[in-house]
Amino acid sequence: MAALGANGQVINLGDQVSIIATTVSTAPFGTTIPSSLAMVTAGTALTSATFVHQANDAKAVQHTVDAAHPALSIAGKAYGAAGDQETVIGTVTVITGSGNTASLSVVLATSGLTVTVPAGVCNSASAVGGTQ
C-alpha cells in the first residue's frame, strides 16, 4: 500500500506537498517584526509531535502586523501566533511505511530544512494535476 495524503491521494517520492499545520509558537528573528526568518514551531492533527520551520516555508492568511504575529509567510503575510493555521510547503524525499500514517521526510521550499510528518496531513500537488 502507498502513502496516502489528507484527501486519500497517493503521495510519491519527489511530490511537492503542502503540510497542513497549526502554529504552536514562534521565535522572532531580531527586532524586525514580522520577519521571514522567524523560526516557527508547528504541529499537525495526526500526531502530538512538532517540527520547526523558517517562517517563509509556509503560506498563511494575513493577521495583524504586531508582536503576536512575528512571522512573515512566503506570500508576505504576517502570522505566527499560537493557533494560527498554516500550510508548509516542500518536496518529499523519503517515504517510510504506508497509508495515512506513513512517515514522509520533506525538504522545505525556502529554507531547505528537512522535517518528518505523517502523510495524512499532506496534500500532493501532483494528485490534483499541478505544482506548488
N, C-alpha and C. Protein backbone atom coordinates (compact mmCIF):
# COMPACT_ATOMS: atom_id res chain seq x y z
N MET A 1 0.84 -1.18 0.00
CA MET A 1 0.00 0.00 0.00
C MET A 1 0.88 1.25 0.00
N ALA A 2 0.43 2.28 -0.65
CA ALA A 2 1.19 3.52 -0.80
C ALA A 2 0.93 4.49 0.35
N ALA A 3 1.74 5.55 0.40
CA ALA A 3 1.49 6.64 1.34
C ALA A 3 0.27 7.41 0.85
N LEU A 4 -0.65 7.69 1.77
CA LEU A 4 -1.90 8.37 1.40
C LEU A 4 -2.00 9.71 2.10
N GLY A 5 -2.31 10.75 1.32
CA GLY A 5 -2.42 12.10 1.84
C GLY A 5 -3.74 12.38 2.51
N ALA A 6 -3.95 13.63 2.87
CA ALA A 6 -5.13 14.07 3.63
C ALA A 6 -6.44 13.75 2.93
N ASN A 7 -6.45 13.78 1.61
CA ASN A 7 -7.67 13.51 0.86
C ASN A 7 -7.67 12.12 0.23
N GLY A 8 -6.81 11.24 0.73
CA GLY A 8 -6.74 9.87 0.22
C GLY A 8 -5.92 9.70 -1.04
N GLN A 9 -5.28 10.77 -1.50
CA GLN A 9 -4.47 10.69 -2.71
C GLN A 9 -3.13 10.03 -2.42
N VAL A 10 -2.56 9.37 -3.42
CA VAL A 10 -1.25 8.74 -3.29
C VAL A 10 -0.17 9.82 -3.30
N ILE A 11 0.78 9.70 -2.39
CA ILE A 11 1.93 10.60 -2.35
C ILE A 11 3.17 9.80 -2.72
N ASN A 12 3.94 10.33 -3.67
CA ASN A 12 5.12 9.65 -4.19
C ASN A 12 6.39 10.43 -3.88
N LEU A 13 7.54 9.77 -3.99
CA LEU A 13 8.83 10.46 -3.87
C LEU A 13 8.89 11.57 -4.91
N GLY A 14 9.41 12.71 -4.53
CA GLY A 14 9.54 13.83 -5.45
C GLY A 14 8.30 14.71 -5.55
N ASP A 15 7.19 14.29 -4.95
CA ASP A 15 5.98 15.11 -4.99
C ASP A 15 6.18 16.39 -4.20
N GLN A 16 5.64 17.48 -4.70
CA GLN A 16 5.57 18.71 -3.94
C GLN A 16 4.32 18.61 -3.08
N VAL A 17 4.47 18.87 -1.79
CA VAL A 17 3.35 18.72 -0.86
C VAL A 17 3.12 19.98 -0.04
N SER A 18 1.89 20.10 0.42
CA SER A 18 1.51 21.13 1.39
C SER A 18 1.23 20.40 2.69
N ILE A 19 1.89 20.79 3.76
CA ILE A 19 1.69 20.18 5.08
C ILE A 19 0.68 21.06 5.84
N ILE A 20 -0.43 20.48 6.22
CA ILE A 20 -1.47 21.21 6.94
C ILE A 20 -1.07 21.26 8.41
N ALA A 21 -0.84 22.46 8.93
CA ALA A 21 -0.28 22.58 10.27
C ALA A 21 -0.91 23.75 11.04
N THR A 22 -0.63 23.77 12.33
CA THR A 22 -1.06 24.84 13.22
C THR A 22 0.16 25.35 13.97
N THR A 23 0.28 26.66 14.06
CA THR A 23 1.40 27.26 14.78
C THR A 23 1.29 26.95 16.27
N VAL A 24 2.38 26.47 16.86
CA VAL A 24 2.46 26.23 18.30
C VAL A 24 3.12 27.44 18.96
N SER A 25 4.24 27.88 18.40
CA SER A 25 4.94 29.06 18.91
C SER A 25 5.86 29.60 17.82
N THR A 26 6.31 30.84 18.02
CA THR A 26 7.21 31.46 17.05
C THR A 26 8.32 32.20 17.79
N ALA A 27 9.55 31.99 17.34
CA ALA A 27 10.70 32.72 17.88
C ALA A 27 11.03 33.83 16.89
N PRO A 28 10.81 35.09 17.27
CA PRO A 28 11.10 36.20 16.36
C PRO A 28 12.56 36.22 15.93
N PHE A 29 12.83 36.85 14.80
CA PHE A 29 14.19 36.98 14.29
C PHE A 29 14.61 38.43 14.47
N GLY A 30 15.51 38.68 15.40
CA GLY A 30 15.99 40.03 15.64
C GLY A 30 14.87 40.97 16.06
N THR A 31 14.99 42.21 15.64
CA THR A 31 14.00 43.22 16.02
C THR A 31 12.98 43.49 14.92
N THR A 32 13.16 42.87 13.77
CA THR A 32 12.23 43.07 12.66
C THR A 32 11.00 42.19 12.85
N ILE A 33 9.82 42.84 12.93
CA ILE A 33 8.56 42.10 13.07
C ILE A 33 7.59 42.64 12.04
N PRO A 34 7.01 41.81 11.20
CA PRO A 34 7.28 40.37 11.10
C PRO A 34 8.54 40.10 10.27
N SER A 35 9.08 38.90 10.40
CA SER A 35 10.29 38.52 9.68
C SER A 35 10.09 37.17 9.00
N SER A 36 10.57 37.06 7.77
CA SER A 36 10.51 35.79 7.05
C SER A 36 11.50 34.79 7.62
N LEU A 37 12.45 35.25 8.46
CA LEU A 37 13.45 34.36 9.04
C LEU A 37 13.09 33.91 10.46
N ALA A 38 11.93 34.31 10.96
CA ALA A 38 11.48 33.82 12.28
C ALA A 38 11.38 32.30 12.22
N MET A 39 11.62 31.63 13.35
CA MET A 39 11.51 30.17 13.40
C MET A 39 10.18 29.80 14.06
N VAL A 40 9.39 29.01 13.34
CA VAL A 40 8.04 28.65 13.77
C VAL A 40 8.00 27.18 14.18
N THR A 41 7.44 26.90 15.35
CA THR A 41 7.19 25.52 15.77
C THR A 41 5.75 25.22 15.40
N ALA A 42 5.55 24.15 14.64
CA ALA A 42 4.22 23.80 14.15
C ALA A 42 3.85 22.39 14.57
N GLY A 43 2.56 22.14 14.67
CA GLY A 43 2.03 20.82 14.98
C GLY A 43 1.02 20.40 13.94
N THR A 44 0.70 19.11 13.92
CA THR A 44 -0.28 18.59 12.97
C THR A 44 -1.36 17.81 13.72
N ALA A 45 -2.43 17.50 13.01
CA ALA A 45 -3.57 16.84 13.63
C ALA A 45 -3.36 15.36 13.94
N LEU A 46 -2.48 14.67 13.21
CA LEU A 46 -2.36 13.22 13.38
C LEU A 46 -1.34 12.78 14.43
N THR A 47 -0.59 13.71 14.96
CA THR A 47 0.44 13.34 15.93
C THR A 47 0.66 14.50 16.90
N SER A 48 1.15 14.20 18.05
CA SER A 48 1.45 15.25 19.02
C SER A 48 2.84 15.84 18.79
N ALA A 49 3.59 15.24 17.87
CA ALA A 49 4.94 15.74 17.57
C ALA A 49 4.87 17.10 16.89
N THR A 50 5.91 17.89 17.05
CA THR A 50 6.01 19.18 16.39
C THR A 50 7.25 19.20 15.50
N PHE A 51 7.31 20.19 14.64
CA PHE A 51 8.51 20.40 13.83
C PHE A 51 8.75 21.90 13.72
N VAL A 52 9.99 22.26 13.44
CA VAL A 52 10.37 23.67 13.35
C VAL A 52 10.70 24.00 11.90
N HIS A 53 10.20 25.15 11.44
CA HIS A 53 10.49 25.60 10.09
C HIS A 53 10.70 27.11 10.08
N GLN A 54 11.31 27.57 9.02
CA GLN A 54 11.50 29.01 8.82
C GLN A 54 10.16 29.61 8.40
N ALA A 55 9.85 30.81 8.82
CA ALA A 55 8.54 31.43 8.56
C ALA A 55 8.15 31.41 7.09
N ASN A 56 9.09 31.69 6.20
CA ASN A 56 8.73 31.77 4.78
C ASN A 56 8.75 30.42 4.06
N ASP A 57 8.74 29.33 4.82
CA ASP A 57 8.50 28.00 4.25
C ASP A 57 6.99 27.73 4.17
N ALA A 58 6.19 28.66 4.70
CA ALA A 58 4.75 28.42 4.82
C ALA A 58 3.92 29.51 4.17
N LYS A 59 2.67 29.13 3.89
CA LYS A 59 1.63 30.08 3.49
C LYS A 59 0.71 30.22 4.69
N ALA A 60 0.15 31.42 4.86
CA ALA A 60 -0.79 31.66 5.95
C ALA A 60 -1.65 32.86 5.60
N VAL A 61 -2.82 32.96 6.21
CA VAL A 61 -3.65 34.14 5.99
C VAL A 61 -3.06 35.32 6.74
N GLN A 62 -3.35 36.51 6.26
CA GLN A 62 -2.85 37.75 6.86
C GLN A 62 -3.46 37.97 8.24
N HIS A 63 -2.62 38.28 9.20
CA HIS A 63 -3.05 38.68 10.54
C HIS A 63 -2.52 40.09 10.79
N THR A 64 -2.89 40.67 11.90
CA THR A 64 -2.40 41.99 12.27
C THR A 64 -0.88 41.97 12.38
N VAL A 65 -0.24 42.99 11.85
CA VAL A 65 1.21 43.09 11.98
C VAL A 65 1.50 43.65 13.37
N ASP A 66 1.89 42.74 14.27
CA ASP A 66 2.19 43.12 15.65
C ASP A 66 3.09 42.07 16.28
N ALA A 67 3.46 42.27 17.52
CA ALA A 67 4.37 41.35 18.21
C ALA A 67 3.79 39.95 18.36
N ALA A 68 2.47 39.81 18.34
CA ALA A 68 1.83 38.49 18.46
C ALA A 68 1.94 37.68 17.17
N HIS A 69 2.27 38.33 16.06
CA HIS A 69 2.37 37.68 14.75
C HIS A 69 3.73 38.00 14.13
N PRO A 70 4.82 37.44 14.70
CA PRO A 70 6.17 37.84 14.28
C PRO A 70 6.72 37.14 13.03
N ALA A 71 5.92 36.26 12.42
CA ALA A 71 6.39 35.52 11.25
C ALA A 71 5.86 36.15 9.97
N LEU A 72 6.63 36.03 8.88
CA LEU A 72 6.22 36.54 7.57
C LEU A 72 6.24 35.38 6.59
N SER A 73 5.08 35.07 6.00
CA SER A 73 4.95 33.90 5.13
C SER A 73 5.64 34.10 3.79
N ILE A 74 5.67 33.03 2.99
CA ILE A 74 6.27 33.08 1.66
C ILE A 74 5.55 34.10 0.77
N ALA A 75 4.28 34.39 1.09
CA ALA A 75 3.50 35.36 0.32
C ALA A 75 3.48 36.74 0.98
N GLY A 76 4.29 36.93 2.04
CA GLY A 76 4.38 38.23 2.68
C GLY A 76 3.27 38.53 3.67
N LYS A 77 2.61 37.50 4.19
CA LYS A 77 1.52 37.68 5.16
C LYS A 77 2.04 37.48 6.57
N ALA A 78 1.64 38.37 7.50
CA ALA A 78 2.04 38.25 8.90
C ALA A 78 1.22 37.16 9.58
N TYR A 79 1.89 36.29 10.34
CA TYR A 79 1.24 35.23 11.11
C TYR A 79 2.19 34.83 12.23
N GLY A 80 1.87 33.77 12.96
CA GLY A 80 2.81 33.25 13.93
C GLY A 80 2.32 33.17 15.35
N ALA A 81 1.07 33.57 15.61
CA ALA A 81 0.52 33.41 16.96
C ALA A 81 0.11 31.96 17.15
N ALA A 82 0.16 31.49 18.39
CA ALA A 82 -0.28 30.12 18.68
C ALA A 82 -1.70 29.93 18.17
N GLY A 83 -1.92 28.85 17.43
CA GLY A 83 -3.24 28.54 16.90
C GLY A 83 -3.46 28.99 15.46
N ASP A 84 -2.57 29.81 14.92
CA ASP A 84 -2.71 30.24 13.53
C ASP A 84 -2.55 29.03 12.61
N GLN A 85 -3.43 28.94 11.61
CA GLN A 85 -3.35 27.87 10.61
C GLN A 85 -2.29 28.25 9.58
N GLU A 86 -1.53 27.26 9.13
CA GLU A 86 -0.50 27.49 8.13
C GLU A 86 -0.37 26.27 7.23
N THR A 87 0.19 26.47 6.06
CA THR A 87 0.45 25.39 5.12
C THR A 87 1.93 25.46 4.77
N VAL A 88 2.68 24.45 5.20
CA VAL A 88 4.14 24.42 5.00
C VAL A 88 4.41 23.67 3.70
N ILE A 89 5.29 24.21 2.86
CA ILE A 89 5.47 23.70 1.51
C ILE A 89 6.86 23.06 1.34
N GLY A 90 6.88 21.90 0.67
CA GLY A 90 8.15 21.24 0.42
C GLY A 90 8.04 20.08 -0.54
N THR A 91 9.13 19.32 -0.66
CA THR A 91 9.23 18.19 -1.59
C THR A 91 9.56 16.92 -0.82
N VAL A 92 8.84 15.84 -1.11
CA VAL A 92 9.04 14.56 -0.43
C VAL A 92 10.33 13.90 -0.91
N THR A 93 11.20 13.52 0.04
CA THR A 93 12.46 12.86 -0.30
C THR A 93 12.55 11.42 0.20
N VAL A 94 11.80 11.10 1.26
CA VAL A 94 11.81 9.74 1.82
C VAL A 94 10.40 9.39 2.28
N ILE A 95 9.97 8.16 1.99
CA ILE A 95 8.68 7.65 2.48
C ILE A 95 8.96 6.35 3.23
N THR A 96 8.48 6.28 4.47
CA THR A 96 8.62 5.06 5.27
C THR A 96 7.23 4.64 5.72
N GLY A 97 6.84 3.43 5.39
CA GLY A 97 5.53 2.94 5.79
C GLY A 97 4.50 3.16 4.70
N SER A 98 3.22 3.01 5.08
CA SER A 98 2.15 3.16 4.10
C SER A 98 0.90 3.72 4.77
N GLY A 99 -0.07 4.08 3.94
CA GLY A 99 -1.32 4.64 4.44
C GLY A 99 -1.13 6.08 4.89
N ASN A 100 -2.10 6.58 5.67
CA ASN A 100 -2.00 7.98 6.10
C ASN A 100 -1.04 8.18 7.26
N THR A 101 -0.54 7.09 7.85
CA THR A 101 0.45 7.22 8.91
C THR A 101 1.89 7.01 8.40
N ALA A 102 2.04 6.83 7.08
CA ALA A 102 3.39 6.73 6.51
C ALA A 102 4.18 7.97 6.89
N SER A 103 5.44 7.81 7.18
CA SER A 103 6.30 8.92 7.57
C SER A 103 6.95 9.51 6.32
N LEU A 104 6.79 10.81 6.13
CA LEU A 104 7.38 11.49 4.99
C LEU A 104 8.50 12.42 5.47
N SER A 105 9.65 12.35 4.82
CA SER A 105 10.69 13.36 5.02
C SER A 105 10.49 14.37 3.90
N VAL A 106 10.36 15.64 4.30
CA VAL A 106 10.05 16.70 3.34
C VAL A 106 11.11 17.79 3.45
N VAL A 107 11.73 18.12 2.31
CA VAL A 107 12.68 19.24 2.25
C VAL A 107 11.85 20.49 1.98
N LEU A 108 11.94 21.47 2.88
CA LEU A 108 11.09 22.64 2.80
C LEU A 108 11.53 23.60 1.69
N ALA A 109 10.55 24.28 1.13
CA ALA A 109 10.70 25.05 -0.11
C ALA A 109 11.73 26.18 -0.04
N THR A 110 11.75 26.93 1.02
CA THR A 110 12.62 28.10 1.07
C THR A 110 13.90 27.84 1.84
N SER A 111 13.79 27.29 3.04
CA SER A 111 14.96 27.13 3.92
C SER A 111 15.82 25.93 3.57
N GLY A 112 15.21 24.90 2.98
CA GLY A 112 15.94 23.66 2.72
C GLY A 112 16.02 22.75 3.93
N LEU A 113 15.38 23.16 5.04
CA LEU A 113 15.32 22.28 6.22
C LEU A 113 14.54 21.02 5.88
N THR A 114 14.82 19.92 6.57
CA THR A 114 14.07 18.68 6.38
C THR A 114 13.24 18.41 7.62
N VAL A 115 11.95 18.13 7.42
CA VAL A 115 11.05 17.79 8.52
C VAL A 115 10.42 16.44 8.22
N THR A 116 9.93 15.78 9.27
CA THR A 116 9.26 14.49 9.12
C THR A 116 7.84 14.62 9.63
N VAL A 117 6.88 14.25 8.78
CA VAL A 117 5.47 14.37 9.11
C VAL A 117 4.71 13.16 8.60
N PRO A 118 3.52 12.86 9.16
CA PRO A 118 2.71 11.78 8.63
C PRO A 118 2.07 12.18 7.30
N ALA A 119 1.94 11.23 6.39
CA ALA A 119 1.37 11.51 5.06
C ALA A 119 -0.03 12.08 5.15
N GLY A 120 -0.80 11.68 6.14
CA GLY A 120 -2.19 12.09 6.26
C GLY A 120 -2.42 13.55 6.54
N VAL A 121 -1.36 14.32 6.79
CA VAL A 121 -1.52 15.77 6.99
C VAL A 121 -0.99 16.54 5.79
N CYS A 122 -0.79 15.83 4.67
CA CYS A 122 -0.24 16.46 3.47
C CYS A 122 -1.20 16.36 2.30
N ASN A 123 -1.10 17.33 1.41
CA ASN A 123 -1.77 17.28 0.11
C ASN A 123 -0.68 17.34 -0.94
N SER A 124 -0.79 16.47 -1.96
CA SER A 124 0.20 16.42 -3.01
C SER A 124 -0.27 17.23 -4.22
N ALA A 125 0.60 18.10 -4.73
CA ALA A 125 0.26 18.89 -5.91
C ALA A 125 0.02 18.00 -7.11
N SER A 126 0.78 16.90 -7.24
CA SER A 126 0.62 16.03 -8.41
C SER A 126 -0.73 15.32 -8.41
N ALA A 127 -1.33 15.17 -7.24
CA ALA A 127 -2.64 14.48 -7.17
C ALA A 127 -3.75 15.32 -7.77
N VAL A 128 -3.51 16.62 -7.89
CA VAL A 128 -4.53 17.49 -8.47
C VAL A 128 -4.05 18.12 -9.78
N GLY A 129 -3.00 17.54 -10.35
CA GLY A 129 -2.52 17.97 -11.65
C GLY A 129 -1.73 19.25 -11.67
N GLY A 130 -1.11 19.61 -10.56
CA GLY A 130 -0.37 20.86 -10.54
C GLY A 130 0.92 20.77 -9.78
N THR A 131 1.53 21.94 -9.60
CA THR A 131 2.73 22.06 -8.79
C THR A 131 2.50 23.21 -7.82
N GLN A 132 3.37 23.31 -6.83
CA GLN A 132 3.24 24.39 -5.85
C GLN A 132 4.40 25.33 -5.98
